Amino acid sequence: MSKARFFPLIIFVTAPALSLAGPPKAIGETTEKTAGETTEKTTKEKTAPPVATPAEQRPKATTNDVDGGAVIIEPVESVIFRSHAALEDERYRDATELLSKAAGSNPDDPDLQNELGVALFQQRAFKAAALAFSKSTKLRPQSSNPWMNLATALRLSGEAKRAAAAYHTYLQLRPTDVHAIYGLALAFLDFGDIEKAEKTLLVAERLCEDDDVTEGLPGGNEAAEALLPRISRARERIALERSEVGKPVAERAEARRLRGDLQGALVLFDQAVMEAPKNLEVLVRRGLTRAGMQELEGARMDFESALAIDPRHAGALAALKALRAE
């Protein structure tokens, strides 16, 4: 790859600005989980898988006094080690149970919250994962990887604007991470800001072509090169979005759903439901979108809301029956 040089580009997320002009800097974090190589079944994009926490930052064994005696609690480091073994064996529920119990005994441990988010993320419980990652960021706000995890989980749960804000915070800590810049572009695209999405993709593409930047990133030059086809696909999605400008929100949402962009569809279906809360077709289609994202409780609520308005609605009855059969 050549060494691309370009002028700084400032992209505004909300009130603060995202500057992508600085040189890459090494960050001394080695084991925190970030969301990055798990294949999404819905959008067919790759998201960052979770990473672990530096051992020297983890608290050791603690004790609880019970009726004058001391009960030794398993060290956090040991819990995380065992959870990693469970995750590697794809025993995600075992890892979640282990980490949930440990987090209950150590509610102020940011590493446990991050690891719990990882286990939930692997089960596609994106909203629950986002809650755990959010707790981790509050407990240790200068730790970068939980912010990346949070941004990814929020985007995959359909909360694009919150995801963009989390990507923004992460990029203040790691300003040249092309994967986060790409994720930010997708978040912009999800909530319909095509102009910002295009500009952000351009920044990601130029950084991917700069060896000085990509050599310092996880996966190095090869990972950056692998991102380029995904950037091209995002541009194709932008072209589709432009062709749908001016159409009703519900129609655009359904178009996104049919082409497999469930995260983007959910953002628009939420908007459509706010505009017409008693539109049965919109409620059912949002439920189908949530079901496709494995948000089964939200899907059930949508189908039941439709049936509360019309108990004989065929689409809602069929969808709820299929959901209960899973």
C-alpha atoms as a PDB file:
ATOM      1  CA  MET A   1       0.000   0.000   0.000  1.00  0.00           C
ATOM      2  CA  SER A   2       1.155   3.543  -0.650  1.00  0.00           C
ATOM      3  CA  LYS A   3       1.520   6.208   1.971  1.00  0.00           C
ATOM      4  CA  ALA A   4      -1.485   8.441   1.473  1.00  0.00           C
ATOM      5  CA  ARG A   5      -1.331  11.985   2.818  1.00  0.00           C
ATOM      6  CA  PHE A   6      -4.368  14.238   3.191  1.00  0.00           C
ATOM      7  CA  PHE A   7      -5.645  17.318   4.911  1.00  0.00           C
ATOM      8  CA  PRO A   8      -7.406  16.976   8.258  1.00  0.00           C
ATOM      9  CA  LEU A   9     -11.113  16.267   8.029  1.00  0.00           C
ATOM     10  CA  ILE A  10     -13.358  17.235  10.924  1.00  0.00           C
ATOM     11  CA  ILE A  11     -16.602  15.278  11.339  1.00  0.00           C
ATOM     12  CA  PHE A  12     -19.221  16.423  13.834  1.00  0.00           C
ATOM     13  CA  VAL A  13     -21.102  13.740  15.755  1.00  0.00           C
ATOM     14  CA  THR A  14     -23.258  15.864  18.061  1.00  0.00           C
ATOM     15  CA  ALA A  15     -21.880  18.950  19.748  1.00  0.00           C
ATOM     16  CA  PRO A  16     -18.220  17.780  19.900  1.00  0.00           C
ATOM     17  CA  ALA A  17     -16.050  17.275  16.840  1.00  0.00           C
ATOM     18  CA  LEU A  18     -14.137  14.234  15.700  1.00  0.00           C
ATOM     19  CA  SER A  19     -10.676  15.089  14.443  1.00  0.00           C
ATOM     20  CA  LEU A  20      -8.940  12.391  12.454  1.00  0.00           C
ATOM     21  CA  ALA A  21      -5.773  14.266  11.686  1.00  0.00           C
ATOM     22  CA  GLY A  22      -3.412  13.057  14.415  1.00  0.00           C
ATOM     23  CA  PRO A  23      -0.669  10.425  13.990  1.00  0.00           C
ATOM     24  CA  PRO A  24      -1.211   6.902  15.345  1.00  0.00           C
ATOM     25  CA  LYS A  25      -0.204   6.395  18.961  1.00  0.00           C
ATOM     26  CA  ALA A  26       0.475   3.175  20.833  1.00  0.00           C
ATOM     27  CA  ILE A  27      -1.960   2.445  23.630  1.00  0.00           C
ATOM     28  CA  GLY A  28      -0.795   0.299  26.514  1.00  0.00           C
ATOM     29  CA  GLU A  29      -3.767  -2.058  26.647  1.00  0.00           C
ATOM     30  CA  THR A  30      -3.269  -5.674  25.828  1.00  0.00           C
ATOM     31  CA  THR A  31      -6.181  -7.868  26.781  1.00  0.00           C
ATOM     32  CA  GLU A  32      -9.420  -5.885  26.887  1.00  0.00           C
ATOM     33  CA  LYS A  33     -12.029  -7.275  24.500  1.00  0.00           C
ATOM     34  CA  THR A  34     -13.098  -5.211  21.515  1.00  0.00           C
ATOM     35  CA  ALA A  35     -15.803  -6.000  18.988  1.00  0.00           C
ATOM     36  CA  GLY A  36     -13.988  -6.891  15.627  1.00  0.00           C
ATOM     37  CA  GLU A  37     -13.962 -10.180  13.739  1.00  0.00           C
ATOM     38  CA  THR A  38     -17.303 -11.906  14.424  1.00  0.00           C
ATOM     39  CA  THR A  39     -19.432 -12.115  11.263  1.00  0.00           C
ATOM     40  CA  GLU A  40     -22.855 -10.516  11.572  1.00  0.00           C
ATOM     41  CA  LYS A  41     -25.578 -12.690  10.081  1.00  0.00           C
ATOM     42  CA  THR A  42     -27.874  -9.758   9.481  1.00  0.00           C
ATOM     43  CA  THR A  43     -25.773  -7.120   7.692  1.00  0.00           C
ATOM     44  CA  LYS A  44     -22.955  -9.435   6.642  1.00  0.00           C
ATOM     45  CA  GLU A  45     -20.457  -6.953   8.034  1.00  0.00           C
ATOM     46  CA  LYS A  46     -17.736  -7.862  10.496  1.00  0.00           C
ATOM     47  CA  THR A  47     -17.899  -6.463  13.981  1.00  0.00           C
ATOM     48  CA  ALA A  48     -15.323  -6.226  16.653  1.00  0.00           C
ATOM     49  CA  PRO A  49     -15.191  -9.270  18.973  1.00  0.00           C
ATOM     50  CA  PRO A  50     -14.507  -8.555  22.627  1.00  0.00           C
ATOM     51  CA  VAL A  51     -10.849  -8.379  24.023  1.00  0.00           C
ATOM     52  CA  ALA A  52      -9.635  -8.874  27.753  1.00  0.00           C
ATOM     53  CA  THR A  53      -8.030  -6.696  30.494  1.00  0.00           C
ATOM     54  CA  PRO A  54      -4.407  -6.202  31.639  1.00  0.00           C
ATOM     55  CA  ALA A  55      -3.650  -8.577  34.493  1.00  0.00           C
ATOM     56  CA  GLU A  56      -1.837  -5.937  36.510  1.00  0.00           C
ATOM     57  CA  GLN A  57      -5.008  -3.839  36.616  1.00  0.00           C
ATOM     58  CA  ARG A  58      -7.179  -6.626  38.024  1.00  0.00           C
ATOM     59  CA  PRO A  59      -7.922  -6.863  41.736  1.00  0.00           C
ATOM     60  CA  LYS A  60      -6.807  -9.997  43.558  1.00  0.00           C
ATOM     61  CA  ALA A  61      -8.740 -12.121  46.036  1.00  0.00           C
ATOM     62  CA  THR A  62     -11.117 -10.301  48.358  1.00  0.00           C
ATOM     63  CA  THR A  63     -13.034 -11.423  51.432  1.00  0.00           C
ATOM     64  CA  ASN A  64     -16.480 -10.862  52.858  1.00  0.00           C
ATOM     65  CA  ASP A  65     -17.094 -10.960  56.585  1.00  0.00           C
ATOM     66  CA  VAL A  66     -19.993 -13.243  57.467  1.00  0.00           C
ATOM     67  CA  ASP A  67     -21.005 -13.602  61.151  1.00  0.00           C
ATOM     68  CA  GLY A  68     -17.500 -12.905  62.369  1.00  0.00           C
ATOM     69  CA  GLY A  69     -15.837 -15.158  59.785  1.00  0.00           C
ATOM     70  CA  ALA A  70     -14.255 -14.425  56.428  1.00  0.00           C
ATOM     71  CA  VAL A  71     -15.429 -15.951  53.138  1.00  0.00           C
ATOM     72  CA  ILE A  72     -12.801 -15.858  50.383  1.00  0.00           C
ATOM     73  CA  ILE A  73     -14.098 -14.719  47.021  1.00  0.00           C
ATOM     74  CA  GLU A  74     -12.440 -16.090  43.890  1.00  0.00           C
ATOM     75  CA  PRO A  75      -9.943 -13.581  42.461  1.00  0.00           C
ATOM     76  CA  VAL A  76     -11.239 -11.601  39.514  1.00  0.00           C
ATOM     77  CA  GLU A  77      -8.271 -12.715  37.416  1.00  0.00           C
ATOM     78  CA  SER A  78      -9.228 -16.353  37.962  1.00  0.00           C
ATOM     79  CA  VAL A  79     -12.856 -15.691  37.031  1.00  0.00           C
ATOM     80  CA  ILE A  80     -11.842 -13.965  33.804  1.00  0.00           C
ATOM     81  CA  PHE A  81      -9.418 -16.787  32.959  1.00  0.00           C
ATOM     82  CA  ARG A  82     -12.195 -19.360  33.378  1.00  0.00           C
ATOM     83  CA  SER A  83     -14.650 -17.237  31.398  1.00  0.00           C
ATOM     84  CA  HIS A  84     -12.191 -17.045  28.508  1.00  0.00           C
ATOM     85  CA  ALA A  85     -11.923 -20.838  28.484  1.00  0.00           C
ATOM     86  CA  ALA A  86     -15.726 -21.080  28.339  1.00  0.00           C
ATOM     87  CA  LEU A  87     -15.914 -18.541  25.521  1.00  0.00           C
ATOM     88  CA  GLU A  88     -13.271 -20.379  23.520  1.00  0.00           C
ATOM     89  CA  ASP A  89     -15.371 -23.543  23.868  1.00  0.00           C
ATOM     90  CA  GLU A  90     -18.454 -21.539  22.782  1.00  0.00           C
ATOM     91  CA  ARG A  91     -20.052 -22.140  26.192  1.00  0.00           C
ATOM     92  CA  TYR A  92     -21.407 -18.623  26.216  1.00  0.00           C
ATOM     93  CA  ARG A  93     -24.105 -19.180  28.826  1.00  0.00           C
ATOM     94  CA  ASP A  94     -21.591 -20.726  31.222  1.00  0.00           C
ATOM     95  CA  ALA A  95     -19.341 -17.696  30.769  1.00  0.00           C
ATOM     96  CA  THR A  96     -22.272 -15.336  31.305  1.00  0.00           C
ATOM     97  CA  GLU A  97     -23.357 -17.085  34.505  1.00  0.00           C
ATOM     98  CA  LEU A  98     -19.809 -17.118  35.867  1.00  0.00           C
ATOM     99  CA  LEU A  99     -19.212 -13.445  35.095  1.00  0.00           C
ATOM    100  CA  SER A 100     -22.648 -12.331  36.327  1.00  0.00           C
ATOM    101  CA  LYS A 101     -22.028 -13.886  39.734  1.00  0.00           C
ATOM    102  CA  ALA A 102     -18.560 -12.350  39.944  1.00  0.00           C
ATOM    103  CA  ALA A 103     -19.860  -8.933  38.891  1.00  0.00           C
ATOM    104  CA  GLY A 104     -22.520  -9.176  41.601  1.00  0.00           C
ATOM    105  CA  SER A 105     -19.771  -9.592  44.202  1.00  0.00           C
ATOM    106  CA  ASN A 106     -17.525  -6.972  42.573  1.00  0.00           C
ATOM    107  CA  PRO A 107     -19.929  -4.354  41.127  1.00  0.00           C
ATOM    108  CA  ASP A 108     -17.183  -1.744  40.734  1.00  0.00           C
ATOM    109  CA  ASP A 109     -14.818  -3.884  38.677  1.00  0.00           C
ATOM    110  CA  PRO A 110     -14.657  -2.531  35.096  1.00  0.00           C
ATOM    111  CA  ASP A 111     -12.932  -5.648  33.736  1.00  0.00           C
ATOM    112  CA  LEU A 112     -15.722  -7.952  34.870  1.00  0.00           C
ATOM    113  CA  GLN A 113     -18.323  -5.679  33.291  1.00  0.00           C
ATOM    114  CA  ASN A 114     -16.408  -5.630  30.012  1.00  0.00           C
ATOM    115  CA  GLU A 115     -15.997  -9.415  30.016  1.00  0.00           C
ATOM    116  CA  LEU A 116     -19.684  -9.893  30.848  1.00  0.00           C
ATOM    117  CA  GLY A 117     -20.517  -7.697  27.878  1.00  0.00           C
ATOM    118  CA  VAL A 118     -18.319  -9.892  25.693  1.00  0.00           C
ATOM    119  CA  ALA A 119     -20.163 -13.054  26.749  1.00  0.00           C
ATOM    120  CA  LEU A 120     -23.546 -11.422  26.131  1.00  0.00           C
ATOM    121  CA  PHE A 121     -22.374 -10.025  22.795  1.00  0.00           C
ATOM    122  CA  GLN A 122     -21.424 -13.507  21.605  1.00  0.00           C
ATOM    123  CA  GLN A 123     -25.027 -14.574  22.286  1.00  0.00           C
ATOM    124  CA  ARG A 124     -26.264 -11.603  20.218  1.00  0.00           C
ATOM    125  CA  ALA A 125     -27.826 -10.078  23.350  1.00  0.00           C
ATOM    126  CA  PHE A 126     -26.645  -6.698  22.147  1.00  0.00           C
ATOM    127  CA  LYS A 127     -28.720  -4.485  24.446  1.00  0.00           C
ATOM    128  CA  ALA A 128     -27.653  -6.390  27.550  1.00  0.00           C
ATOM    129  CA  ALA A 129     -24.061  -6.338  26.307  1.00  0.00           C
ATOM    130  CA  ALA A 130     -24.259  -2.584  25.785  1.00  0.00           C
ATOM    131  CA  LEU A 131     -25.429  -2.143  29.382  1.00  0.00           C
ATOM    132  CA  ALA A 132     -22.403  -4.064  30.692  1.00  0.00           C
ATOM    133  CA  PHE A 133     -19.977  -2.197  28.409  1.00  0.00           C
ATOM    134  CA  SER A 134     -21.532   1.104  29.493  1.00  0.00           C
ATOM    135  CA  LYS A 135     -20.885   0.251  33.149  1.00  0.00           C
ATOM    136  CA  SER A 136     -17.275  -0.580  32.286  1.00  0.00           C
ATOM    137  CA  THR A 137     -16.763   2.781  30.542  1.00  0.00           C
ATOM    138  CA  LYS A 138     -18.163   4.641  33.553  1.00  0.00           C
ATOM    139  CA  LEU A 139     -15.898   2.778  35.947  1.00  0.00           C
ATOM    140  CA  ARG A 140     -12.776   3.333  33.823  1.00  0.00           C
ATOM    141  CA  PRO A 141     -13.503   6.013  31.190  1.00  0.00           C
ATOM    142  CA  GLN A 142      -9.936   6.232  29.857  1.00  0.00           C
ATOM    143  CA  SER A 143      -9.899   2.572  28.850  1.00  0.00           C
ATOM    144  CA  SER A 144     -10.511   2.535  25.103  1.00  0.00           C
ATOM    145  CA  ASN A 145     -11.691  -0.957  24.206  1.00  0.00           C
ATOM    146  CA  PRO A 146     -14.912  -0.940  26.264  1.00  0.00           C
ATOM    147  CA  TRP A 147     -15.901   2.202  24.356  1.00  0.00           C
ATOM    148  CA  MET A 148     -15.415   0.362  21.059  1.00  0.00           C
ATOM    149  CA  ASN A 149     -17.398  -2.583  22.393  1.00  0.00           C
ATOM    150  CA  LEU A 150     -20.157  -0.260  23.571  1.00  0.00           C
ATOM    151  CA  ALA A 151     -20.355   1.486  20.205  1.00  0.00           C
ATOM    152  CA  THR A 152     -20.601  -1.802  18.324  1.00  0.00           C
ATOM    153  CA  ALA A 153     -23.241  -3.260  20.646  1.00  0.00           C
ATOM    154  CA  LEU A 154     -25.321  -0.081  20.461  1.00  0.00           C
ATOM    155  CA  ARG A 155     -25.194  -0.009  16.673  1.00  0.00           C
ATOM    156  CA  LEU A 156     -26.185  -3.651  16.411  1.00  0.00           C
ATOM    157  CA  SER A 157     -29.118  -3.061  18.759  1.00  0.00           C
ATOM    158  CA  GLY A 158     -30.391  -0.234  16.549  1.00  0.00           C
ATOM    159  CA  GLU A 159     -29.264   2.700  18.716  1.00  0.00           C
ATOM    160  CA  ALA A 160     -27.288   4.431  16.002  1.00  0.00           C
ATOM    161  CA  LYS A 161     -27.018   7.905  17.538  1.00  0.00           C
ATOM    162  CA  ARG A 162     -25.764   6.574  20.860  1.00  0.00           C
ATOM    163  CA  ALA A 163     -23.370   4.349  18.933  1.00  0.00           C
ATOM    164  CA  ALA A 164     -21.990   7.356  17.053  1.00  0.00           C
ATOM    165  CA  ALA A 165     -21.353   9.153  20.355  1.00  0.00           C
ATOM    166  CA  ALA A 166     -19.522   6.090  21.749  1.00  0.00           C
ATOM    167  CA  TYR A 167     -17.413   5.761  18.587  1.00  0.00           C
ATOM    168  CA  HIS A 168     -16.580   9.456  18.965  1.00  0.00           C
ATOM    169  CA  THR A 169     -15.311   8.925  22.516  1.00  0.00           C
ATOM    170  CA  TYR A 170     -13.284   5.872  21.458  1.00  0.00           C
ATOM    171  CA  LEU A 171     -11.701   7.828  18.600  1.00  0.00           C
ATOM    172  CA  GLN A 172     -10.612  10.540  21.009  1.00  0.00           C
ATOM    173  CA  LEU A 173      -8.505   7.818  22.635  1.00  0.00           C
ATOM    174  CA  ARG A 174      -7.458   6.062  19.400  1.00  0.00           C
ATOM    175  CA  PRO A 175      -7.938   8.625  16.628  1.00  0.00           C
ATOM    176  CA  THR A 176      -6.674   6.535  13.699  1.00  0.00           C
ATOM    177  CA  ASP A 177      -8.430   3.220  14.306  1.00  0.00           C
ATOM    178  CA  VAL A 178      -9.892   2.639  10.846  1.00  0.00           C
ATOM    179  CA  HIS A 179     -12.314  -0.021  12.090  1.00  0.00           C
ATOM    180  CA  ALA A 180     -13.911   2.456  14.485  1.00  0.00           C
ATOM    181  CA  ILE A 181     -14.036   5.137  11.789  1.00  0.00           C
ATOM    182  CA  TYR A 182     -15.771   2.656   9.505  1.00  0.00           C
ATOM    183  CA  GLY A 183     -18.205   1.745  12.298  1.00  0.00           C
ATOM    184  CA  LEU A 184     -18.923   5.443  12.846  1.00  0.00           C
ATOM    185  CA  ALA A 185     -19.749   5.781   9.133  1.00  0.00           C
ATOM    186  CA  LEU A 186     -22.238   2.913   9.416  1.00  0.00           C
ATOM    187  CA  ALA A 187     -23.824   4.546  12.460  1.00  0.00           C
ATOM    188  CA  PHE A 188     -24.243   7.801  10.518  1.00  0.00           C
ATOM    189  CA  LEU A 189     -25.762   5.814   7.669  1.00  0.00           C
ATOM    190  CA  ASP A 190     -28.134   3.968  10.014  1.00  0.00           C
ATOM    191  CA  PHE A 191     -29.747   7.195  11.192  1.00  0.00           C
ATOM    192  CA  GLY A 192     -29.790   8.705   7.725  1.00  0.00           C
ATOM    193  CA  ASP A 193     -26.945  11.232   7.740  1.00  0.00           C
ATOM    194  CA  ILE A 194     -25.601  10.307   4.319  1.00  0.00           C
ATOM    195  CA  GLU A 195     -23.252  13.270   4.000  1.00  0.00           C
ATOM    196  CA  LYS A 196     -21.399  12.474   7.229  1.00  0.00           C
ATOM    197  CA  ALA A 197     -21.322   8.794   6.314  1.00  0.00           C
ATOM    198  CA  GLU A 198     -19.644   9.566   2.973  1.00  0.00           C
ATOM    199  CA  LYS A 199     -17.044  11.864   4.542  1.00  0.00           C
ATOM    200  CA  THR A 200     -16.255   9.354   7.266  1.00  0.00           C
ATOM    201  CA  LEU A 201     -15.845   6.504   4.776  1.00  0.00           C
ATOM    202  CA  LEU A 202     -13.421   8.686   2.827  1.00  0.00           C
ATOM    203  CA  VAL A 203     -11.318   9.182   5.971  1.00  0.00           C
ATOM    204  CA  ALA A 204     -11.335   5.442   6.671  1.00  0.00           C
ATOM    205  CA  GLU A 205     -10.316   4.642   3.096  1.00  0.00           C
ATOM    206  CA  ARG A 206      -7.403   7.086   3.105  1.00  0.00           C
ATOM    207  CA  LEU A 207      -6.137   5.811   6.442  1.00  0.00           C
ATOM    208  CA  CYS A 208      -6.320   2.223   5.143  1.00  0.00           C
ATOM    209  CA  GLU A 209      -3.914   3.258   2.395  1.00  0.00           C
ATOM    210  CA  ASP A 210      -1.381   4.747   4.829  1.00  0.00           C
ATOM    211  CA  ASP A 211       1.157   2.119   5.961  1.00  0.00           C
ATOM    212  CA  ASP A 212       2.346   4.310   8.831  1.00  0.00           C
ATOM    213  CA  VAL A 213      -1.152   4.206  10.279  1.00  0.00           C
ATOM    214  CA  THR A 214      -2.175   0.615   9.594  1.00  0.00           C
ATOM    215  CA  GLU A 215       1.041  -1.015  10.854  1.00  0.00           C
ATOM    216  CA  GLY A 216       0.180   0.119  14.380  1.00  0.00           C
ATOM    217  CA  LEU A 217      -3.378  -1.254  14.343  1.00  0.00           C
ATOM    218  CA  PRO A 218      -4.583  -4.713  15.419  1.00  0.00           C
ATOM    219  CA  GLY A 219      -4.124  -6.988  12.421  1.00  0.00           C
ATOM    220  CA  GLY A 220      -1.823  -4.495  10.734  1.00  0.00           C
ATOM    221  CA  ASN A 221      -1.892  -3.822   6.997  1.00  0.00           C
ATOM    222  CA  GLU A 222      -3.789  -7.009   6.145  1.00  0.00           C
ATOM    223  CA  ALA A 223      -6.717  -6.100   8.391  1.00  0.00           C
ATOM    224  CA  ALA A 224      -6.826  -2.614   6.877  1.00  0.00           C
ATOM    225  CA  GLU A 225      -6.803  -4.010   3.341  1.00  0.00           C
ATOM    226  CA  ALA A 226      -9.653  -6.374   4.253  1.00  0.00           C
ATOM    227  CA  LEU A 227     -11.695  -3.342   5.265  1.00  0.00           C
ATOM    228  CA  LEU A 228     -11.560  -1.757   1.807  1.00  0.00           C
ATOM    229  CA  PRO A 229     -14.187  -4.070   0.184  1.00  0.00           C
ATOM    230  CA  ARG A 230     -16.517  -3.370   3.108  1.00  0.00           C
ATOM    231  CA  ILE A 231     -16.074   0.357   2.555  1.00  0.00           C
ATOM    232  CA  SER A 232     -17.043  -0.196  -1.091  1.00  0.00           C
ATOM    233  CA  ARG A 233     -20.183  -2.071  -0.022  1.00  0.00           C
ATOM    234  CA  ALA A 234     -21.069   0.772   2.333  1.00  0.00           C
ATOM    235  CA  ARG A 235     -20.816   3.173  -0.601  1.00  0.00           C
ATOM    236  CA  GLU A 236     -23.225   0.947  -2.537  1.00  0.00           C
ATOM    237  CA  ARG A 237     -25.596   1.165   0.402  1.00  0.00           C
ATOM    238  CA  ILE A 238     -25.308   4.955   0.317  1.00  0.00           C
ATOM    239  CA  ALA A 239     -26.314   4.914  -3.358  1.00  0.00           C
ATOM    240  CA  LEU A 240     -29.409   2.868  -2.435  1.00  0.00           C
ATOM    241  CA  GLU A 241     -30.248   5.256   0.391  1.00  0.00           C
ATOM    242  CA  ARG A 242     -30.011   8.236  -1.968  1.00  0.00           C
ATOM    243  CA  SER A 243     -32.429   6.557  -4.373  1.00  0.00           C
ATOM    244  CA  GLU A 244     -34.970   6.231  -1.548  1.00  0.00           C
ATOM    245  CA  VAL A 245     -34.798   9.817  -0.292  1.00  0.00           C
ATOM    246  CA  GLY A 246     -38.273  11.328  -0.141  1.00  0.00           C
ATOM    247  CA  LYS A 247     -40.084   8.013   0.256  1.00  0.00           C
ATOM    248  CA  PRO A 248     -42.164   7.347   3.401  1.00  0.00           C
ATOM    249  CA  VAL A 249     -40.131   6.276   6.428  1.00  0.00           C
ATOM    250  CA  ALA A 250     -41.935   2.931   6.749  1.00  0.00           C
ATOM    251  CA  GLU A 251     -41.261   2.127   3.102  1.00  0.00           C
ATOM    252  CA  ARG A 252     -37.567   2.910   3.476  1.00  0.00           C
ATOM    253  CA  ALA A 253     -37.440   0.808   6.650  1.00  0.00           C
ATOM    254  CA  GLU A 254     -38.994  -2.175   4.906  1.00  0.00           C
ATOM    255  CA  ALA A 255     -36.555  -1.820   2.009  1.00  0.00           C
ATOM    256  CA  ARG A 256     -33.672  -1.977   4.479  1.00  0.00           C
ATOM    257  CA  ARG A 257     -35.176  -5.031   6.168  1.00  0.00           C
ATOM    258  CA  LEU A 258     -35.616  -6.903   2.904  1.00  0.00           C
ATOM    259  CA  ARG A 259     -32.020  -6.373   1.891  1.00  0.00           C
ATOM    260  CA  GLY A 260     -30.790  -7.625   5.281  1.00  0.00           C
ATOM    261  CA  ASP A 261     -29.872  -4.306   6.889  1.00  0.00           C
ATOM    262  CA  LEU A 262     -31.738  -5.025  10.119  1.00  0.00           C
ATOM    263  CA  GLN A 263     -29.939  -2.457  12.275  1.00  0.00           C
ATOM    264  CA  GLY A 264     -30.706   0.313   9.818  1.00  0.00           C
ATOM    265  CA  ALA A 265     -34.272  -0.931   9.382  1.00  0.00           C
ATOM    266  CA  LEU A 266     -34.917  -0.869  13.128  1.00  0.00           C
ATOM    267  CA  VAL A 267     -33.817   2.764  13.366  1.00  0.00           C
ATOM    268  CA  LEU A 268     -36.361   3.752  10.703  1.00  0.00           C
ATOM    269  CA  PHE A 269     -39.122   1.482  12.053  1.00  0.00           C
ATOM    270  CA  ASP A 270     -38.723   3.155  15.463  1.00  0.00           C
ATOM    271  CA  GLN A 271     -39.250   6.495  13.745  1.00  0.00           C
ATOM    272  CA  ALA A 272     -42.246   5.165  11.807  1.00  0.00           C
ATOM    273  CA  VAL A 273     -43.892   3.819  14.982  1.00  0.00           C
ATOM    274  CA  MET A 274     -43.465   7.199  16.670  1.00  0.00           C
ATOM    275  CA  GLU A 275     -45.196   8.841  13.715  1.00  0.00           C
ATOM    276  CA  ALA A 276     -48.014   6.258  13.542  1.00  0.00           C
ATOM    277  CA  PRO A 277     -48.161   4.186  16.768  1.00  0.00           C
ATOM    278  CA  LYS A 278     -51.332   2.322  15.686  1.00  0.00           C
ATOM    279  CA  ASN A 279     -50.122   1.313  12.228  1.00  0.00           C
ATOM    280  CA  LEU A 280     -50.413  -2.477  12.427  1.00  0.00           C
ATOM    281  CA  GLU A 281     -48.179  -3.246   9.442  1.00  0.00           C
ATOM    282  CA  VAL A 282     -45.382  -1.101  10.850  1.00  0.00           C
ATOM    283  CA  LEU A 283     -45.657  -2.761  14.275  1.00  0.00           C
ATOM    284  CA  VAL A 284     -45.527  -6.250  12.763  1.00  0.00           C
ATOM    285  CA  ARG A 285     -42.614  -5.443  10.475  1.00  0.00           C
ATOM    286  CA  ARG A 286     -40.682  -3.884  13.332  1.00  0.00           C
ATOM    287  CA  GLY A 287     -41.373  -7.067  15.298  1.00  0.00           C
ATOM    288  CA  LEU A 288     -40.055  -9.169  12.414  1.00  0.00           C
ATOM    289  CA  THR A 289     -36.949  -6.989  12.315  1.00  0.00           C
ATOM    290  CA  ARG A 290     -36.368  -7.451  16.033  1.00  0.00           C
ATOM    291  CA  ALA A 291     -36.917 -11.194  15.735  1.00  0.00           C
ATOM    292  CA  GLY A 292     -34.295 -11.326  13.000  1.00  0.00           C
ATOM    293  CA  MET A 293     -31.901  -9.555  15.368  1.00  0.00           C
ATOM    294  CA  GLN A 294     -32.747 -12.065  18.127  1.00  0.00           C
ATOM    295  CA  GLU A 295     -34.437  -9.349  20.201  1.00  0.00           C
ATOM    296  CA  LEU A 296     -37.252 -11.781  20.926  1.00  0.00           C
ATOM    297  CA  GLU A 297     -38.841  -9.925  23.835  1.00  0.00           C
ATOM    298  CA  GLY A 298     -39.111  -6.725  21.814  1.00  0.00           C
ATOM    299  CA  ALA A 299     -40.541  -8.687  18.884  1.00  0.00           C
ATOM    300  CA  ARG A 300     -43.158 -10.293  21.133  1.00  0.00           C
ATOM    301  CA  MET A 301     -44.203  -6.880  22.451  1.00  0.00           C
ATOM    302  CA  ASP A 302     -44.648  -5.545  18.914  1.00  0.00           C
ATOM    303  CA  PHE A 303     -46.798  -8.489  17.822  1.00  0.00           C
ATOM    304  CA  GLU A 304     -48.921  -8.293  20.976  1.00  0.00           C
ATOM    305  CA  SER A 305     -49.341  -4.525  20.546  1.00  0.00           C
ATOM    306  CA  ALA A 306     -50.663  -5.129  17.037  1.00  0.00           C
ATOM    307  CA  LEU A 307     -53.060  -7.800  18.326  1.00  0.00           C
ATOM    308  CA  ALA A 308     -54.300  -5.481  21.076  1.00  0.00           C
ATOM    309  CA  ILE A 309     -55.495  -3.174  18.291  1.00  0.00           C
ATOM    310  CA  ASP A 310     -56.775  -5.953  16.009  1.00  0.00           C
ATOM    311  CA  PRO A 311     -56.971  -9.425  17.636  1.00  0.00           C
ATOM    312  CA  ARG A 312     -57.534 -11.029  14.221  1.00  0.00           C
ATOM    313  CA  HIS A 313     -54.568  -9.506  12.398  1.00  0.00           C
ATOM    314  CA  ALA A 314     -53.231 -12.472  10.404  1.00  0.00           C
ATOM    315  CA  GLY A 315     -49.648 -11.246  10.154  1.00  0.00           C
ATOM    316  CA  ALA A 316     -49.321 -10.599  13.882  1.00  0.00           C
ATOM    317  CA  LEU A 317     -50.933 -13.942  14.780  1.00  0.00           C
ATOM    318  CA  ALA A 318     -48.627 -15.877  12.471  1.00  0.00           C
ATOM    319  CA  ALA A 319     -45.535 -14.029  13.615  1.00  0.00           C
ATOM    320  CA  LEU A 320     -46.331 -14.518  17.304  1.00  0.00           C
ATOM    321  CA  LYS A 321     -47.025 -18.220  16.760  1.00  0.00           C
ATOM    322  CA  ALA A 322     -43.680 -18.635  14.992  1.00  0.00           C
ATOM    323  CA  LEU A 323     -41.914 -16.726  17.754  1.00  0.00           C
ATOM    324  CA  ARG A 324     -43.384 -18.954  20.475  1.00  0.00           C
ATOM    325  CA  ALA A 325     -42.305 -22.036  18.542  1.00  0.00           C
ATOM    326  CA  GLU A 326     -38.620 -21.040  18.686  1.00  0.00           C
END
